[in-house]
Amino acid sequence: CTQPYAASVFNISAMSFGALSANAIQALNAGAKRGGFAHD
């Protein structure tokens, strides 16, 4: 691996757009951006 990722020890697990609403996906990703953790 040439681009290792420093991940938080606590991240958002896999939930697809379609299973979740557009607003839910936006909120999850905005929260992940602010907290510096990953969104599957």
Full PDB file with SEQRES, HELIX, SHEET, SSBOND, CRYST1, ORIGX, SCALE, CONECT and MASTER records, all heavy atoms in Angstrom:
SEQRES   1 A   40  CYS THR GLN PRO TYR ALA ALA SER VAL PHE ASN ILE SER          
SEQRES   2 A   40  ALA MET SER PHE GLY ALA LEU SER ALA ASN ALA ILE GLN          
SEQRES   3 A   40  ALA LEU ASN ALA GLY ALA LYS ARG GLY GLY PHE ALA HIS          
SEQRES   4 A   40  ASP                                                          
HELIX    1 AA1 ALA A   22  GLY A   35  1                                  14    
CRYST1    1.000    1.000    1.000  90.00  90.00  90.00 P 1           1          
ORIGX1      1.000000  0.000000  0.000000        0.00000                         
ORIGX2      0.000000  1.000000  0.000000        0.00000                         
ORIGX3      0.000000  0.000000  1.000000        0.00000                         
SCALE1      1.000000  0.000000  0.000000        0.00000                         
SCALE2      0.000000  1.000000  0.000000        0.00000                         
SCALE3      0.000000  0.000000  1.000000        0.00000                         
ATOM      1  N   CYS A   1       0.840  -1.197   0.000  1.00  0.00           N  
ATOM      2  CA  CYS A   1       0.000   0.000   0.000  1.00  0.00           C  
ATOM      3  C   CYS A   1       0.874   1.246   0.000  1.00  0.00           C  
ATOM      4  O   CYS A   1       1.770   1.386   0.826  1.00  0.00           O  
ATOM      5  CB  CYS A   1      -0.913  -0.012   1.229  1.00  0.00           C  
ATOM      6  SG  CYS A   1      -1.882   1.480   1.456  1.00  0.00           S  
ATOM      7  N   THR A   2       0.593   2.153  -0.928  1.00  0.00           N  
ATOM      8  CA  THR A   2       1.385   3.383  -1.013  1.00  0.00           C  
ATOM      9  C   THR A   2       0.634   4.602  -0.476  1.00  0.00           C  
ATOM     10  O   THR A   2       1.201   5.686  -0.394  1.00  0.00           O  
ATOM     11  CB  THR A   2       1.788   3.659  -2.475  1.00  0.00           C  
ATOM     12  OG1 THR A   2       0.612   3.772  -3.287  1.00  0.00           O  
ATOM     13  CG2 THR A   2       2.672   2.535  -3.011  1.00  0.00           C  
ATOM     14  N   GLN A   3      -0.653   4.422  -0.124  1.00  0.00           N  
ATOM     15  CA  GLN A   3      -1.429   5.526   0.451  1.00  0.00           C  
ATOM     16  C   GLN A   3      -2.125   5.040   1.727  1.00  0.00           C  
ATOM     17  O   GLN A   3      -3.351   4.939   1.765  1.00  0.00           O  
ATOM     18  CB  GLN A   3      -2.474   6.036  -0.541  1.00  0.00           C  
ATOM     19  CG  GLN A   3      -1.909   6.639  -1.817  1.00  0.00           C  
ATOM     20  CD  GLN A   3      -2.989   7.320  -2.652  1.00  0.00           C  
ATOM     21  OE1 GLN A   3      -3.719   8.197  -2.167  1.00  0.00           O  
ATOM     22  NE2 GLN A   3      -3.103   6.925  -3.905  1.00  0.00           N  
ATOM     23  N   PRO A   4      -1.358   4.723   2.763  1.00  0.00           N  
ATOM     24  CA  PRO A   4      -1.990   4.240   4.006  1.00  0.00           C  
ATOM     25  C   PRO A   4      -2.934   5.283   4.573  1.00  0.00           C  
ATOM     26  O   PRO A   4      -2.777   6.487   4.351  1.00  0.00           O  
ATOM     27  CB  PRO A   4      -0.798   3.984   4.919  1.00  0.00           C  
ATOM     28  CG  PRO A   4       0.319   4.817   4.369  1.00  0.00           C  
ATOM     29  CD  PRO A   4       0.109   4.856   2.890  1.00  0.00           C  
ATOM     30  N   TYR A   5      -3.914   4.782   5.332  1.00  0.00           N  
ATOM     31  CA  TYR A   5      -4.949   5.654   5.893  1.00  0.00           C  
ATOM     32  C   TYR A   5      -4.932   5.571   7.409  1.00  0.00           C  
ATOM     33  O   TYR A   5      -4.978   4.483   7.993  1.00  0.00           O  
ATOM     34  CB  TYR A   5      -6.320   5.235   5.357  1.00  0.00           C  
ATOM     35  CG  TYR A   5      -7.476   6.026   5.910  1.00  0.00           C  
ATOM     36  CD1 TYR A   5      -7.501   7.418   5.834  1.00  0.00           C  
ATOM     37  CD2 TYR A   5      -8.565   5.380   6.498  1.00  0.00           C  
ATOM     38  CE1 TYR A   5      -8.567   8.153   6.336  1.00  0.00           C  
ATOM     39  CE2 TYR A   5      -9.649   6.105   7.006  1.00  0.00           C  
ATOM     40  CZ  TYR A   5      -9.639   7.495   6.911  1.00  0.00           C  
ATOM     41  OH  TYR A   5     -10.696   8.218   7.413  1.00  0.00           O  
ATOM     42  N   ALA A   6      -4.847   6.722   8.056  1.00  0.00           N  
ATOM     43  CA  ALA A   6      -4.901   6.794   9.517  1.00  0.00           C  
ATOM     44  C   ALA A   6      -6.361   6.892   9.937  1.00  0.00           C  
ATOM     45  O   ALA A   6      -6.945   7.978   9.992  1.00  0.00           O  
ATOM     46  CB  ALA A   6      -4.118   7.994  10.031  1.00  0.00           C  
ATOM     47  N   ALA A   7      -6.965   5.742  10.231  1.00  0.00           N  
ATOM     48  CA  ALA A   7      -8.398   5.676  10.511  1.00  0.00           C  
ATOM     49  C   ALA A   7      -8.679   5.837  11.993  1.00  0.00           C  
ATOM     50  O   ALA A   7      -7.885   5.442  12.850  1.00  0.00           O  
ATOM     51  CB  ALA A   7      -8.959   4.341  10.026  1.00  0.00           C  
ATOM     52  N   SER A   8      -9.833   6.387  12.292  1.00  0.00           N  
ATOM     53  CA  SER A   8     -10.322   6.389  13.667  1.00  0.00           C  
ATOM     54  C   SER A   8     -10.601   4.949  14.081  1.00  0.00           C  
ATOM     55  O   SER A   8     -10.859   4.087  13.233  1.00  0.00           O  
ATOM     56  CB  SER A   8     -11.598   7.226  13.766  1.00  0.00           C  
ATOM     57  OG  SER A   8     -12.225   7.066  15.018  1.00  0.00           O  
ATOM     58  N   VAL A   9     -10.579   4.678  15.376  1.00  0.00           N  
ATOM     59  CA  VAL A   9     -10.908   3.324  15.838  1.00  0.00           C  
ATOM     60  C   VAL A   9     -12.425   3.104  15.851  1.00  0.00           C  
ATOM     61  O   VAL A   9     -12.892   2.006  16.175  1.00  0.00           O  
ATOM     62  CB  VAL A   9     -10.337   3.044  17.243  1.00  0.00           C  
ATOM     63  CG1 VAL A   9      -8.829   3.108  17.239  1.00  0.00           C  
ATOM     64  CG2 VAL A   9     -10.935   3.994  18.281  1.00  0.00           C  
ATOM     65  N   PHE A  10     -13.205   4.143  15.465  1.00  0.00           N  
ATOM     66  CA  PHE A  10     -14.662   4.035  15.460  1.00  0.00           C  
ATOM     67  C   PHE A  10     -15.196   4.734  14.224  1.00  0.00           C  
ATOM     68  O   PHE A  10     -15.030   5.949  14.070  1.00  0.00           O  
ATOM     69  CB  PHE A  10     -15.220   4.671  16.737  1.00  0.00           C  
ATOM     70  CG  PHE A  10     -16.694   4.452  16.961  1.00  0.00           C  
ATOM     71  CD1 PHE A  10     -17.280   3.221  16.747  1.00  0.00           C  
ATOM     72  CD2 PHE A  10     -17.493   5.498  17.409  1.00  0.00           C  
ATOM     73  CE1 PHE A  10     -18.636   3.022  16.973  1.00  0.00           C  
ATOM     74  CE2 PHE A  10     -18.846   5.308  17.653  1.00  0.00           C  
ATOM     75  CZ  PHE A  10     -19.423   4.070  17.431  1.00  0.00           C  
ATOM     76  N   ASN A  11     -15.831   3.984  13.325  1.00  0.00           N  
ATOM     77  CA  ASN A  11     -16.264   4.521  12.042  1.00  0.00           C  
ATOM     78  C   ASN A  11     -17.687   4.075  11.705  1.00  0.00           C  
ATOM     79  O   ASN A  11     -18.256   3.204  12.366  1.00  0.00           O  
ATOM     80  CB  ASN A  11     -15.299   4.075  10.944  1.00  0.00           C  
ATOM     81  CG  ASN A  11     -13.882   4.519  11.195  1.00  0.00           C  
ATOM     82  OD1 ASN A  11     -13.551   5.699  11.072  1.00  0.00           O  
ATOM     83  ND2 ASN A  11     -13.025   3.578  11.565  1.00  0.00           N  
ATOM     84  N   ILE A  12     -18.236   4.678  10.641  1.00  0.00           N  
ATOM     85  CA  ILE A  12     -19.597   4.357  10.204  1.00  0.00           C  
ATOM     86  C   ILE A  12     -19.564   3.122   9.324  1.00  0.00           C  
ATOM     87  O   ILE A  12     -18.861   3.082   8.322  1.00  0.00           O  
ATOM     88  CB  ILE A  12     -20.221   5.533   9.438  1.00  0.00           C  
ATOM     89  CG1 ILE A  12     -20.239   6.788  10.315  1.00  0.00           C  
ATOM     90  CG2 ILE A  12     -21.627   5.183   8.967  1.00  0.00           C  
ATOM     91  CD1 ILE A  12     -20.663   8.050   9.569  1.00  0.00           C  
ATOM     92  N   SER A  13     -20.333   2.129   9.686  1.00  0.00           N  
ATOM     93  CA  SER A  13     -20.372   0.877   8.941  1.00  0.00           C  
ATOM     94  C   SER A  13     -21.174   1.024   7.649  1.00  0.00           C  
ATOM     95  O   SER A  13     -21.838   2.038   7.414  1.00  0.00           O  
ATOM     96  CB  SER A  13     -20.974  -0.226   9.816  1.00  0.00           C  
ATOM     97  OG  SER A  13     -20.691  -1.500   9.290  1.00  0.00           O  
ATOM     98  N   ALA A  14     -21.135  -0.028   6.829  1.00  0.00           N  
ATOM     99  CA  ALA A  14     -21.720   0.013   5.490  1.00  0.00           C  
ATOM    100  C   ALA A  14     -23.234   0.140   5.500  1.00  0.00           C  
ATOM    101  O   ALA A  14     -23.936  -0.723   6.017  1.00  0.00           O  
ATOM    102  CB  ALA A  14     -21.320  -1.259   4.729  1.00  0.00           C  
ATOM    103  N   MET A  15     -23.734   1.243   4.931  1.00  0.00           N  
ATOM    104  CA  MET A  15     -25.166   1.463   4.730  1.00  0.00           C  
ATOM    105  C   MET A  15     -25.323   2.223   3.421  1.00  0.00           C  
ATOM    106  O   MET A  15     -24.822   3.335   3.278  1.00  0.00           O  
ATOM    107  CB  MET A  15     -25.771   2.255   5.898  1.00  0.00           C  
ATOM    108  CG  MET A  15     -25.744   1.531   7.226  1.00  0.00           C  
ATOM    109  SD  MET A  15     -26.494   2.491   8.575  1.00  0.00           S  
ATOM    110  CE  MET A  15     -25.172   3.679   8.895  1.00  0.00           C  
ATOM    111  N   SER A  16     -26.027   1.628   2.466  1.00  0.00           N  
ATOM    112  CA  SER A  16     -26.097   2.183   1.118  1.00  0.00           C  
ATOM    113  C   SER A  16     -27.117   3.311   0.994  1.00  0.00           C  
ATOM    114  O   SER A  16     -28.124   3.340   1.699  1.00  0.00           O  
ATOM    115  CB  SER A  16     -26.475   1.085   0.115  1.00  0.00           C  
ATOM    116  OG  SER A  16     -25.559   0.029   0.123  1.00  0.00           O  
ATOM    117  N   PHE A  17     -26.853   4.209   0.038  1.00  0.00           N  
ATOM    118  CA  PHE A  17     -27.894   5.124  -0.405  1.00  0.00           C  
ATOM    119  C   PHE A  17     -28.908   4.281  -1.173  1.00  0.00           C  
ATOM    120  O   PHE A  17     -28.572   3.564  -2.097  1.00  0.00           O  
ATOM    121  CB  PHE A  17     -27.331   6.224  -1.308  1.00  0.00           C  
ATOM    122  CG  PHE A  17     -28.396   7.037  -1.980  1.00  0.00           C  
ATOM    123  CD1 PHE A  17     -29.344   7.707  -1.236  1.00  0.00           C  
ATOM    124  CD2 PHE A  17     -28.467   7.135  -3.371  1.00  0.00           C  
ATOM    125  CE1 PHE A  17     -30.346   8.464  -1.842  1.00  0.00           C  
ATOM    126  CE2 PHE A  17     -29.453   7.889  -3.984  1.00  0.00           C  
ATOM    127  CZ  PHE A  17     -30.397   8.551  -3.227  1.00  0.00           C  
ATOM    128  N   GLY A  18     -30.140   4.389  -0.788  1.00  0.00           N  
ATOM    129  CA  GLY A  18     -31.180   3.488  -1.293  1.00  0.00           C  
ATOM    130  C   GLY A  18     -31.776   2.764  -0.111  1.00  0.00           C  
ATOM    131  O   GLY A  18     -32.990   2.728   0.072  1.00  0.00           O  
ATOM    132  N   ALA A  19     -30.899   2.207   0.727  1.00  0.00           N  
ATOM    133  CA  ALA A  19     -31.351   1.671   2.014  1.00  0.00           C  
ATOM    134  C   ALA A  19     -31.607   2.847   2.957  1.00  0.00           C  
ATOM    135  O   ALA A  19     -32.595   2.874   3.691  1.00  0.00           O  
ATOM    136  CB  ALA A  19     -30.320   0.725   2.601  1.00  0.00           C  
ATOM    137  N   LEU A  20     -30.700   3.826   2.947  1.00  0.00           N  
ATOM    138  CA  LEU A  20     -30.879   5.063   3.719  1.00  0.00           C  
ATOM    139  C   LEU A  20     -31.295   6.190   2.788  1.00  0.00           C  
ATOM    140  O   LEU A  20     -31.020   6.167   1.583  1.00  0.00           O  
ATOM    141  CB  LEU A  20     -29.585   5.443   4.443  1.00  0.00           C  
ATOM    142  CG  LEU A  20     -29.024   4.489   5.491  1.00  0.00           C  
ATOM    143  CD1 LEU A  20     -27.925   5.180   6.273  1.00  0.00           C  
ATOM    144  CD2 LEU A  20     -30.095   3.977   6.425  1.00  0.00           C  
ATOM    145  N   SER A  21     -31.923   7.189   3.345  1.00  0.00           N  
ATOM    146  CA  SER A  21     -32.372   8.333   2.564  1.00  0.00           C  
ATOM    147  C   SER A  21     -31.203   9.242   2.202  1.00  0.00           C  
ATOM    148  O   SER A  21     -30.115   9.157   2.784  1.00  0.00           O  
ATOM    149  CB  SER A  21     -33.413   9.135   3.361  1.00  0.00           C  
ATOM    150  OG  SER A  21     -32.802   9.747   4.494  1.00  0.00           O  
ATOM    151  N   ALA A  22     -31.452  10.121   1.259  1.00  0.00           N  
ATOM    152  CA  ALA A  22     -30.434  11.093   0.862  1.00  0.00           C  
ATOM    153  C   ALA A  22     -30.041  11.979   2.036  1.00  0.00           C  
ATOM    154  O   ALA A  22     -28.856  12.279   2.240  1.00  0.00           O  
ATOM    155  CB  ALA A  22     -30.962  11.947  -0.292  1.00  0.00           C  
ATOM    156  N   ASN A  23     -31.021  12.395   2.831  1.00  0.00           N  
ATOM    157  CA  ASN A  23     -30.719  13.246   3.981  1.00  0.00           C  
ATOM    158  C   ASN A  23     -29.880  12.515   5.019  1.00  0.00           C  
ATOM    159  O   ASN A  23     -28.994  13.101   5.649  1.00  0.00           O  
ATOM    160  CB  ASN A  23     -32.015  13.755   4.610  1.00  0.00           C  
ATOM    161  CG  ASN A  23     -32.665  14.860   3.794  1.00  0.00           C  
ATOM    162  OD1 ASN A  23     -32.349  15.032   2.623  1.00  0.00           O  
ATOM    163  ND2 ASN A  23     -33.559  15.607   4.401  1.00  0.00           N  
ATOM    164  N   ALA A  24     -30.163  11.226   5.214  1.00  0.00           N  
ATOM    165  CA  ALA A  24     -29.387  10.439   6.170  1.00  0.00           C  
ATOM    166  C   ALA A  24     -27.935  10.320   5.715  1.00  0.00           C  
ATOM    167  O   ALA A  24     -27.005  10.457   6.520  1.00  0.00           O  
ATOM    168  CB  ALA A  24     -30.006   9.058   6.347  1.00  0.00           C  
ATOM    169  N   ILE A  25     -27.733  10.052   4.438  1.00  0.00           N  
ATOM    170  CA  ILE A  25     -26.371   9.932   3.898  1.00  0.00           C  
ATOM    171  C   ILE A  25     -25.628  11.255   4.053  1.00  0.00           C  
ATOM    172  O   ILE A  25     -24.456  11.292   4.461  1.00  0.00           O  
ATOM    173  CB  ILE A  25     -26.410   9.511   2.411  1.00  0.00           C  
ATOM    174  CG1 ILE A  25     -26.965   8.090   2.265  1.00  0.00           C  
ATOM    175  CG2 ILE A  25     -25.021   9.617   1.786  1.00  0.00           C  
ATOM    176  CD1 ILE A  25     -26.109   7.007   2.875  1.00  0.00           C  
ATOM    177  N   GLN A  26     -26.292  12.358   3.737  1.00  0.00           N  
ATOM    178  CA  GLN A  26     -25.651  13.670   3.884  1.00  0.00           C  
ATOM    179  C   GLN A  26     -25.229  13.926   5.326  1.00  0.00           C  
ATOM    180  O   GLN A  26     -24.118  14.400   5.594  1.00  0.00           O  
ATOM    181  CB  GLN A  26     -26.617  14.767   3.448  1.00  0.00           C  
ATOM    182  CG  GLN A  26     -26.914  14.830   1.979  1.00  0.00           C  
ATOM    183  CD  GLN A  26     -27.868  15.966   1.675  1.00  0.00           C  
ATOM    184  OE1 GLN A  26     -27.525  17.151   1.776  1.00  0.00           O  
ATOM    185  NE2 GLN A  26     -29.095  15.631   1.314  1.00  0.00           N  
ATOM    186  N   ALA A  27     -26.126  13.628   6.260  1.00  0.00           N  
ATOM    187  CA  ALA A  27     -25.834  13.894   7.672  1.00  0.00           C  
ATOM    188  C   ALA A  27     -24.697  13.018   8.174  1.00  0.00           C  
ATOM    189  O   ALA A  27     -23.819  13.489   8.916  1.00  0.00           O  
ATOM    190  CB  ALA A  27     -27.090  13.673   8.511  1.00  0.00           C  
ATOM    191  N   LEU A  28     -24.695  11.745   7.791  1.00  0.00           N  
ATOM    192  CA  LEU A  28     -23.613  10.852   8.205  1.00  0.00           C  
ATOM    193  C   LEU A  28     -22.274  11.345   7.680  1.00  0.00           C  
ATOM    194  O   LEU A  28     -21.279  11.401   8.419  1.00  0.00           O  
ATOM    195  CB  LEU A  28     -23.880   9.429   7.697  1.00  0.00           C  
ATOM    196  CG  LEU A  28     -25.002   8.648   8.381  1.00  0.00           C  
ATOM    197  CD1 LEU A  28     -25.264   7.347   7.630  1.00  0.00           C  
ATOM    198  CD2 LEU A  28     -24.652   8.357   9.834  1.00  0.00           C  
ATOM    199  N   ASN A  29     -22.247  11.715   6.411  1.00  0.00           N  
ATOM    200  CA  ASN A  29     -20.974  12.125   5.822  1.00  0.00           C  
ATOM    201  C   ASN A  29     -20.502  13.474   6.356  1.00  0.00           C  
ATOM    202  O   ASN A  29     -19.296  13.675   6.567  1.00  0.00           O  
ATOM    203  CB  ASN A  29     -21.077  12.166   4.300  1.00  0.00           C  
ATOM    204  CG  ASN A  29     -19.723  12.200   3.632  1.00  0.00           C  
ATOM    205  OD1 ASN A  29     -19.278  13.239   3.151  1.00  0.00           O  
ATOM    206  ND2 ASN A  29     -19.034  11.065   3.633  1.00  0.00           N  
ATOM    207  N   ALA A  30     -21.437  14.378   6.609  1.00  0.00           N  
ATOM    208  CA  ALA A  30     -21.057  15.666   7.186  1.00  0.00           C  
ATOM    209  C   ALA A  30     -20.491  15.476   8.589  1.00  0.00           C  
ATOM    210  O   ALA A  30     -19.514  16.133   8.982  1.00  0.00           O  
ATOM    211  CB  ALA A  30     -22.260  16.608   7.215  1.00  0.00           C  
ATOM    212  N   GLY A  31     -21.111  14.582   9.377  1.00  0.00           N  
ATOM    213  CA  GLY A  31     -20.593  14.294  10.710  1.00  0.00           C  
ATOM    214  C   GLY A  31     -19.223  13.649  10.655  1.00  0.00           C  
ATOM    215  O   GLY A  31     -18.336  13.974  11.465  1.00  0.00           O  
ATOM    216  N   ALA A  32     -19.027  12.744   9.673  1.00  0.00           N  
ATOM    217  CA  ALA A  32     -17.728  12.092   9.514  1.00  0.00           C  
ATOM    218  C   ALA A  32     -16.654  13.091   9.117  1.00  0.00           C  
ATOM    219  O   ALA A  32     -15.512  13.026   9.594  1.00  0.00           O  
ATOM    220  CB  ALA A  32     -17.836  10.987   8.462  1.00  0.00           C  
ATOM    221  N   LYS A  33     -17.020  14.027   8.254  1.00  0.00           N  
ATOM    222  CA  LYS A  33     -16.073  15.062   7.847  1.00  0.00           C  
ATOM    223  C   LYS A  33     -15.638  15.914   9.042  1.00  0.00           C  
ATOM    224  O   LYS A  33     -14.436  16.162   9.237  1.00  0.00           O  
ATOM    225  CB  LYS A  33     -16.731  15.960   6.786  1.00  0.00           C  
ATOM    226  CG  LYS A  33     -15.920  17.181   6.379  1.00  0.00           C  
ATOM    227  CD  LYS A  33     -14.653  16.793   5.634  1.00  0.00           C  
ATOM    228  CE  LYS A  33     -13.949  18.033   5.102  1.00  0.00           C  
ATOM    229  NZ  LYS A  33     -12.694  17.692   4.385  1.00  0.00           N  
ATOM    230  N   ARG A  34     -16.582  16.299   9.843  1.00  0.00           N  
ATOM    231  CA  ARG A  34     -16.282  17.153  10.992  1.00  0.00           C  
ATOM    232  C   ARG A  34     -15.442  16.407  12.033  1.00  0.00           C  
ATOM    233  O   ARG A  34     -14.555  16.991  12.653  1.00  0.00           O  
ATOM    234  CB  ARG A  34     -17.584  17.645  11.614  1.00  0.00           C  
ATOM    235  CG  ARG A  34     -17.404  18.582  12.795  1.00  0.00           C  
ATOM    236  CD  ARG A  34     -18.743  19.101  13.284  1.00  0.00           C  
ATOM    237  NE  ARG A  34     -18.615  19.807  14.552  1.00  0.00           N  
ATOM    238  CZ  ARG A  34     -19.641  20.246  15.266  1.00  0.00           C  
ATOM    239  NH1 ARG A  34     -20.877  20.079  14.815  1.00  0.00           N  
ATOM    240  NH2 ARG A  34     -19.440  20.871  16.416  1.00  0.00           N  
ATOM    241  N   GLY A  35     -15.725  15.118  12.208  1.00  0.00           N  
ATOM    242  CA  GLY A  35     -15.019  14.350  13.239  1.00  0.00           C  
ATOM    243  C   GLY A  35     -13.777  13.639  12.754  1.00  0.00           C  
ATOM    244  O   GLY A  35     -13.053  13.046  13.565  1.00  0.00           O  
ATOM    245  N   GLY A  36     -13.526  13.666  11.434  1.00  0.00           N  
ATOM    246  CA  GLY A  36     -12.330  13.017  10.909  1.00  0.00           C  
ATOM    247  C   GLY A  36     -12.365  11.500  10.994  1.00  0.00           C  
ATOM    248  O   GLY A  36     -11.354  10.854  11.248  1.00  0.00           O  
ATOM    249  N   PHE A  37     -13.542  10.920  10.788  1.00  0.00           N  
ATOM    250  CA  PHE A  37     -13.636   9.465  10.759  1.00  0.00           C  
ATOM    251  C   PHE A  37     -14.247   9.026   9.435  1.00  0.00           C  
ATOM    252  O   PHE A  37     -14.650   9.851   8.620  1.00  0.00           O  
ATOM    253  CB  PHE A  37     -14.413   8.929  11.962  1.00  0.00           C  
ATOM    254  CG  PHE A  37     -15.790   9.514  12.165  1.00  0.00           C  
ATOM    255  CD1 PHE A  37     -16.928   8.835  11.772  1.00  0.00           C  
ATOM    256  CD2 PHE A  37     -15.951  10.746  12.799  1.00  0.00           C  
ATOM    257  CE1 PHE A  37     -18.194   9.357  11.982  1.00  0.00           C  
ATOM    258  CE2 PHE A  37     -17.216  11.287  13.020  1.00  0.00           C  
ATOM    259  CZ  PHE A  37     -18.343  10.593  12.600  1.00  0.00           C  
ATOM    260  N   ALA A  38     -14.301   7.720   9.203  1.00  0.00           N  
ATOM    261  CA  ALA A  38     -14.642   7.198   7.883  1.00  0.00           C  
ATOM    262  C   ALA A  38     -16.102   6.798   7.779  1.00  0.00           C  
ATOM    263  O   ALA A  38     -16.717   6.353   8.742  1.00  0.00           O  
ATOM    264  CB  ALA A  38     -13.750   6.003   7.543  1.00  0.00           C  
ATOM    265  N   HIS A  39     -16.616   6.908   6.570  1.00  0.00           N  
ATOM    266  CA  HIS A  39     -18.004   6.595   6.249  1.00  0.00           C  
ATOM    267  C   HIS A  39     -18.001   5.533   5.149  1.00  0.00           C  
ATOM    268  O   HIS A  39     -17.602   5.806   4.025  1.00  0.00           O  
ATOM    269  CB  HIS A  39     -18.712   7.879   5.792  1.00  0.00           C  
ATOM    270  CG  HIS A  39     -20.139   7.696   5.371  1.00  0.00           C  
ATOM    271  ND1 HIS A  39     -20.852   8.682   4.715  1.00  0.00           N  
ATOM    272  CD2 HIS A  39     -21.003   6.658   5.525  1.00  0.00           C  
ATOM    273  CE1 HIS A  39     -22.073   8.250   4.482  1.00  0.00           C  
ATOM    274  NE2 HIS A  39     -22.179   7.026   4.958  1.00  0.00           N  
ATOM    275  N   ASP A  40     -18.436   4.326   5.484  1.00  0.00           N  
ATOM    276  CA  ASP A  40     -18.512   3.242   4.499  1.00  0.00           C  
ATOM    277  C   ASP A  40     -19.751   3.436   3.636  1.00  0.00           C  
ATOM    278  O   ASP A  40     -20.854   3.636   4.144  1.00  0.00           O  
ATOM    279  CB  ASP A  40     -18.573   1.885   5.223  1.00  0.00           C  
ATOM    280  CG  ASP A  40     -18.316   0.712   4.298  1.00  0.00           C  
ATOM    281  OD1 ASP A  40     -18.941   0.650   3.222  1.00  0.00           O  
ATOM    282  OD2 ASP A  40     -17.499  -0.163   4.660  1.00  0.00           O  
TER     283      ASP A  40                                                      
MASTER        0    0    0    1    0    0    0    6  282    1    0    4          
END                                                                             
